[in-house]
Amino acid sequence: MNDLKYIIFRIGTAKMYWYKACVFNGMLVHAGIAAEHVKEDAYEVHSAGFCKVSINGYPMVKCWGESESLKVKSDPSFDEQVITETLFNLTKF
């Protein structure tokens, strides 16, 4: 079994922006996925790494590591929140 990978994108302008996650198969390369999104001027890579998503009554997301191809690290606490919001439309409290 391979781990999932993710990228957190900052989307918008300097005055108005938000964050969204892209979670994908661990066999793919971060830089390849990012290249498809960053073509849009409003997308910027914030962080990236590996994650595990489990649902056992409530969705749980665990993030760690870094992307060697993008040369960015994960921000586990923030990334877990963004992935939870993106995938499940839930806000962690």
N, C-alpha and C. Protein backbone atom coordinates (compact mmCIF):
# COMPACT_ATOMS: atom_id res chain seq x y z
N MET A 1 0.84 -1.19 0.00
CA MET A 1 0.00 0.00 0.00
C MET A 1 0.88 1.25 0.00
N ASN A 2 0.53 2.22 -0.81
CA ASN A 2 1.31 3.45 -0.81
C ASN A 2 0.54 4.56 -0.09
N ASP A 3 1.29 5.52 0.43
CA ASP A 3 0.67 6.65 1.12
C ASP A 3 0.10 7.61 0.09
N LEU A 4 -0.83 8.42 0.56
CA LEU A 4 -1.35 9.50 -0.27
C LEU A 4 -0.39 10.68 -0.18
N LYS A 5 -0.36 11.47 -1.21
CA LYS A 5 0.40 12.72 -1.21
C LYS A 5 -0.60 13.86 -1.30
N TYR A 6 -0.16 15.05 -0.93
CA TYR A 6 -1.04 16.21 -1.03
C TYR A 6 -0.23 17.47 -1.30
N ILE A 7 -0.94 18.46 -1.80
CA ILE A 7 -0.40 19.81 -1.96
C ILE A 7 -1.47 20.76 -1.44
N ILE A 8 -1.06 21.74 -0.66
CA ILE A 8 -1.96 22.80 -0.23
C ILE A 8 -1.65 24.02 -1.11
N PHE A 9 -2.68 24.49 -1.81
CA PHE A 9 -2.54 25.65 -2.68
C PHE A 9 -3.15 26.88 -2.01
N ARG A 10 -2.46 28.00 -2.16
CA ARG A 10 -3.02 29.30 -1.79
C ARG A 10 -3.60 29.85 -3.09
N ILE A 11 -4.88 30.17 -3.05
CA ILE A 11 -5.58 30.58 -4.26
C ILE A 11 -6.14 31.98 -4.07
N GLY A 12 -5.94 32.84 -5.03
CA GLY A 12 -6.51 34.18 -4.98
C GLY A 12 -5.47 35.25 -5.23
N THR A 13 -5.78 36.43 -4.70
CA THR A 13 -4.90 37.59 -4.86
C THR A 13 -4.29 37.93 -3.51
N ALA A 14 -3.46 38.95 -3.49
CA ALA A 14 -2.82 39.36 -2.23
C ALA A 14 -3.86 39.81 -1.19
N LYS A 15 -4.97 40.39 -1.66
CA LYS A 15 -5.98 40.91 -0.73
C LYS A 15 -7.05 39.88 -0.37
N MET A 16 -7.31 38.94 -1.25
CA MET A 16 -8.36 37.96 -0.99
C MET A 16 -7.89 36.59 -1.44
N TYR A 17 -7.74 35.67 -0.48
CA TYR A 17 -7.24 34.35 -0.82
C TYR A 17 -7.81 33.30 0.13
N TRP A 18 -7.68 32.05 -0.25
CA TRP A 18 -8.10 30.92 0.56
C TRP A 18 -7.18 29.75 0.23
N TYR A 19 -7.31 28.68 0.98
CA TYR A 19 -6.46 27.50 0.79
C TYR A 19 -7.31 26.29 0.43
N LYS A 20 -6.83 25.49 -0.48
CA LYS A 20 -7.49 24.25 -0.88
C LYS A 20 -6.43 23.16 -1.00
N ALA A 21 -6.86 21.94 -0.73
CA ALA A 21 -5.95 20.79 -0.82
C ALA A 21 -6.21 19.99 -2.09
N CYS A 22 -5.17 19.42 -2.60
CA CYS A 22 -5.24 18.44 -3.67
C CYS A 22 -4.58 17.18 -3.13
N VAL A 23 -5.36 16.12 -2.95
CA VAL A 23 -4.87 14.85 -2.42
C VAL A 23 -4.83 13.86 -3.58
N PHE A 24 -3.72 13.12 -3.70
CA PHE A 24 -3.57 12.24 -4.85
C PHE A 24 -2.74 11.01 -4.51
N ASN A 25 -2.73 10.06 -5.42
CA ASN A 25 -2.03 8.80 -5.26
C ASN A 25 -0.54 9.02 -5.04
N GLY A 26 0.03 8.28 -4.10
CA GLY A 26 1.44 8.42 -3.77
C GLY A 26 2.40 8.02 -4.87
N MET A 27 1.92 7.38 -5.92
CA MET A 27 2.79 7.01 -7.04
C MET A 27 3.09 8.20 -7.94
N LEU A 28 2.30 9.27 -7.82
CA LEU A 28 2.51 10.46 -8.64
C LEU A 28 3.50 11.40 -7.97
N VAL A 29 4.06 12.31 -8.74
CA VAL A 29 5.07 13.25 -8.24
C VAL A 29 4.41 14.59 -7.93
N HIS A 30 4.76 15.16 -6.78
CA HIS A 30 4.19 16.45 -6.39
C HIS A 30 4.33 17.51 -7.49
N ALA A 31 5.52 17.62 -8.05
CA ALA A 31 5.79 18.68 -9.04
C ALA A 31 4.91 18.54 -10.28
N GLY A 32 4.61 17.31 -10.67
CA GLY A 32 3.76 17.10 -11.84
C GLY A 32 2.33 17.57 -11.59
N ILE A 33 1.82 17.30 -10.41
CA ILE A 33 0.47 17.74 -10.05
C ILE A 33 0.44 19.25 -9.90
N ALA A 34 1.44 19.81 -9.23
CA ALA A 34 1.49 21.26 -9.02
C ALA A 34 1.55 22.00 -10.35
N ALA A 35 2.30 21.47 -11.31
CA ALA A 35 2.45 22.15 -12.60
C ALA A 35 1.11 22.35 -13.30
N GLU A 36 0.21 21.39 -13.14
CA GLU A 36 -1.11 21.51 -13.76
C GLU A 36 -1.95 22.60 -13.11
N HIS A 37 -1.76 22.84 -11.82
CA HIS A 37 -2.55 23.84 -11.11
C HIS A 37 -1.94 25.23 -11.17
N VAL A 38 -0.62 25.31 -11.13
CA VAL A 38 0.06 26.60 -11.08
C VAL A 38 0.02 27.31 -12.43
N LYS A 39 -0.46 26.63 -13.46
CA LYS A 39 -0.65 27.30 -14.76
C LYS A 39 -1.59 28.49 -14.59
N GLU A 40 -2.51 28.35 -13.65
CA GLU A 40 -3.42 29.45 -13.34
C GLU A 40 -2.67 30.44 -12.44
N ASP A 41 -2.71 31.71 -12.78
CA ASP A 41 -1.96 32.71 -12.02
C ASP A 41 -2.36 32.78 -10.56
N ALA A 42 -3.57 32.42 -10.24
CA ALA A 42 -4.07 32.57 -8.87
C ALA A 42 -3.60 31.45 -7.94
N TYR A 43 -2.97 30.40 -8.45
CA TYR A 43 -2.55 29.26 -7.63
C TYR A 43 -1.08 29.38 -7.24
N GLU A 44 -0.80 29.13 -5.96
CA GLU A 44 0.57 29.13 -5.45
C GLU A 44 0.70 27.98 -4.45
N VAL A 45 1.80 27.24 -4.53
CA VAL A 45 2.01 26.13 -3.59
C VAL A 45 2.35 26.70 -2.21
N HIS A 46 1.60 26.27 -1.21
CA HIS A 46 1.85 26.69 0.18
C HIS A 46 2.68 25.64 0.93
N SER A 47 2.27 24.37 0.82
CA SER A 47 2.96 23.28 1.50
C SER A 47 2.61 21.97 0.79
N ALA A 48 3.36 20.92 1.12
CA ALA A 48 3.11 19.62 0.50
C ALA A 48 3.75 18.53 1.34
N GLY A 49 3.25 17.33 1.18
CA GLY A 49 3.80 16.20 1.92
C GLY A 49 2.98 14.95 1.70
N PHE A 50 2.92 14.13 2.74
CA PHE A 50 2.20 12.86 2.71
C PHE A 50 1.07 12.92 3.71
N CYS A 51 0.02 12.14 3.47
CA CYS A 51 -1.08 12.13 4.42
C CYS A 51 -1.77 10.77 4.46
N LYS A 52 -2.46 10.57 5.54
CA LYS A 52 -3.31 9.40 5.70
C LYS A 52 -4.68 9.92 6.09
N VAL A 53 -5.70 9.42 5.42
CA VAL A 53 -7.07 9.83 5.70
C VAL A 53 -7.83 8.59 6.15
N SER A 54 -8.48 8.67 7.29
CA SER A 54 -9.28 7.55 7.77
C SER A 54 -10.62 8.08 8.28
N ILE A 55 -11.62 7.25 8.16
CA ILE A 55 -12.94 7.61 8.64
C ILE A 55 -13.40 6.50 9.56
N ASN A 56 -13.45 6.81 10.83
CA ASN A 56 -13.92 5.85 11.83
C ASN A 56 -14.87 6.61 12.74
N GLY A 57 -16.05 6.91 12.22
CA GLY A 57 -17.00 7.73 12.95
C GLY A 57 -16.83 9.20 12.62
N TYR A 58 -15.59 9.65 12.51
CA TYR A 58 -15.28 11.04 12.18
C TYR A 58 -14.01 11.04 11.33
N PRO A 59 -13.97 11.85 10.29
CA PRO A 59 -12.77 11.88 9.44
C PRO A 59 -11.53 12.33 10.21
N MET A 60 -10.46 11.59 10.05
CA MET A 60 -9.18 11.93 10.67
C MET A 60 -8.13 12.05 9.58
N VAL A 61 -7.36 13.11 9.62
CA VAL A 61 -6.29 13.35 8.65
C VAL A 61 -4.98 13.52 9.41
N LYS A 62 -3.95 12.83 8.95
CA LYS A 62 -2.61 12.93 9.54
C LYS A 62 -1.63 13.30 8.42
N CYS A 63 -0.88 14.39 8.61
CA CYS A 63 0.07 14.86 7.59
C CYS A 63 1.49 14.83 8.14
N TRP A 64 2.45 14.63 7.24
CA TRP A 64 3.86 14.62 7.62
C TRP A 64 4.74 14.78 6.37
N GLY A 65 6.01 15.00 6.59
CA GLY A 65 7.01 14.96 5.53
C GLY A 65 7.15 16.23 4.73
N GLU A 66 7.65 16.04 3.53
CA GLU A 66 7.92 17.15 2.63
C GLU A 66 7.91 16.66 1.20
N SER A 67 7.90 17.60 0.28
CA SER A 67 8.00 17.28 -1.14
C SER A 67 9.40 17.61 -1.61
N GLU A 68 10.13 16.59 -2.02
CA GLU A 68 11.47 16.82 -2.55
C GLU A 68 11.41 17.51 -3.91
N SER A 69 10.42 17.15 -4.72
CA SER A 69 10.34 17.73 -6.07
C SER A 69 9.94 19.21 -6.04
N LEU A 70 9.16 19.61 -5.03
CA LEU A 70 8.76 21.02 -4.91
C LEU A 70 9.64 21.80 -3.94
N LYS A 71 10.43 21.06 -3.14
CA LYS A 71 11.29 21.66 -2.13
C LYS A 71 10.49 22.49 -1.12
N VAL A 72 9.37 21.92 -0.66
CA VAL A 72 8.57 22.55 0.40
C VAL A 72 8.22 21.49 1.44
N LYS A 73 8.07 21.94 2.67
CA LYS A 73 7.74 21.04 3.77
C LYS A 73 6.25 21.08 4.07
N SER A 74 5.83 20.08 4.81
CA SER A 74 4.45 20.08 5.27
C SER A 74 4.33 21.01 6.48
N ASP A 75 3.12 21.44 6.73
CA ASP A 75 2.76 22.23 7.91
C ASP A 75 1.63 21.43 8.55
N PRO A 76 1.98 20.33 9.27
CA PRO A 76 0.99 19.32 9.64
C PRO A 76 -0.33 19.83 10.22
N SER A 77 -0.30 20.66 11.22
CA SER A 77 -1.54 21.11 11.85
C SER A 77 -2.42 21.89 10.87
N PHE A 78 -1.83 22.84 10.16
CA PHE A 78 -2.57 23.64 9.19
C PHE A 78 -3.04 22.76 8.02
N ASP A 79 -2.16 21.93 7.50
CA ASP A 79 -2.50 21.08 6.36
C ASP A 79 -3.63 20.12 6.68
N GLU A 80 -3.61 19.55 7.87
CA GLU A 80 -4.68 18.63 8.28
C GLU A 80 -6.03 19.34 8.28
N GLN A 81 -6.03 20.58 8.74
CA GLN A 81 -7.27 21.36 8.76
C GLN A 81 -7.76 21.64 7.34
N VAL A 82 -6.87 22.06 6.46
CA VAL A 82 -7.26 22.38 5.09
C VAL A 82 -7.75 21.13 4.35
N ILE A 83 -7.08 20.00 4.53
CA ILE A 83 -7.51 18.76 3.88
C ILE A 83 -8.88 18.34 4.39
N THR A 84 -9.10 18.43 5.69
CA THR A 84 -10.41 18.09 6.26
C THR A 84 -11.50 18.98 5.69
N GLU A 85 -11.23 20.27 5.61
CA GLU A 85 -12.22 21.20 5.04
C GLU A 85 -12.46 20.92 3.56
N THR A 86 -11.41 20.64 2.81
CA THR A 86 -11.53 20.41 1.38
C THR A 86 -12.28 19.11 1.08
N LEU A 87 -11.91 18.01 1.74
CA LEU A 87 -12.49 16.72 1.43
C LEU A 87 -13.87 16.50 2.05
N PHE A 88 -14.07 17.03 3.25
CA PHE A 88 -15.29 16.71 3.99
C PHE A 88 -16.16 17.91 4.30
N ASN A 89 -15.74 19.09 3.87
CA ASN A 89 -16.48 20.32 4.15
C ASN A 89 -16.73 20.48 5.65
N LEU A 90 -15.73 20.10 6.44
CA LEU A 90 -15.81 20.20 7.89
C LEU A 90 -14.69 21.10 8.41
N THR A 91 -14.98 21.85 9.44
CA THR A 91 -13.98 22.67 10.08
C THR A 91 -13.59 22.01 11.39
N LYS A 92 -12.27 21.83 11.62
CA LYS A 92 -11.79 21.27 12.88
C LYS A 92 -11.86 22.32 13.96
N PHE A 93 -12.25 21.91 15.14
CA PHE A 93 -12.30 22.83 16.27
C PHE A 93 -11.27 22.44 17.28
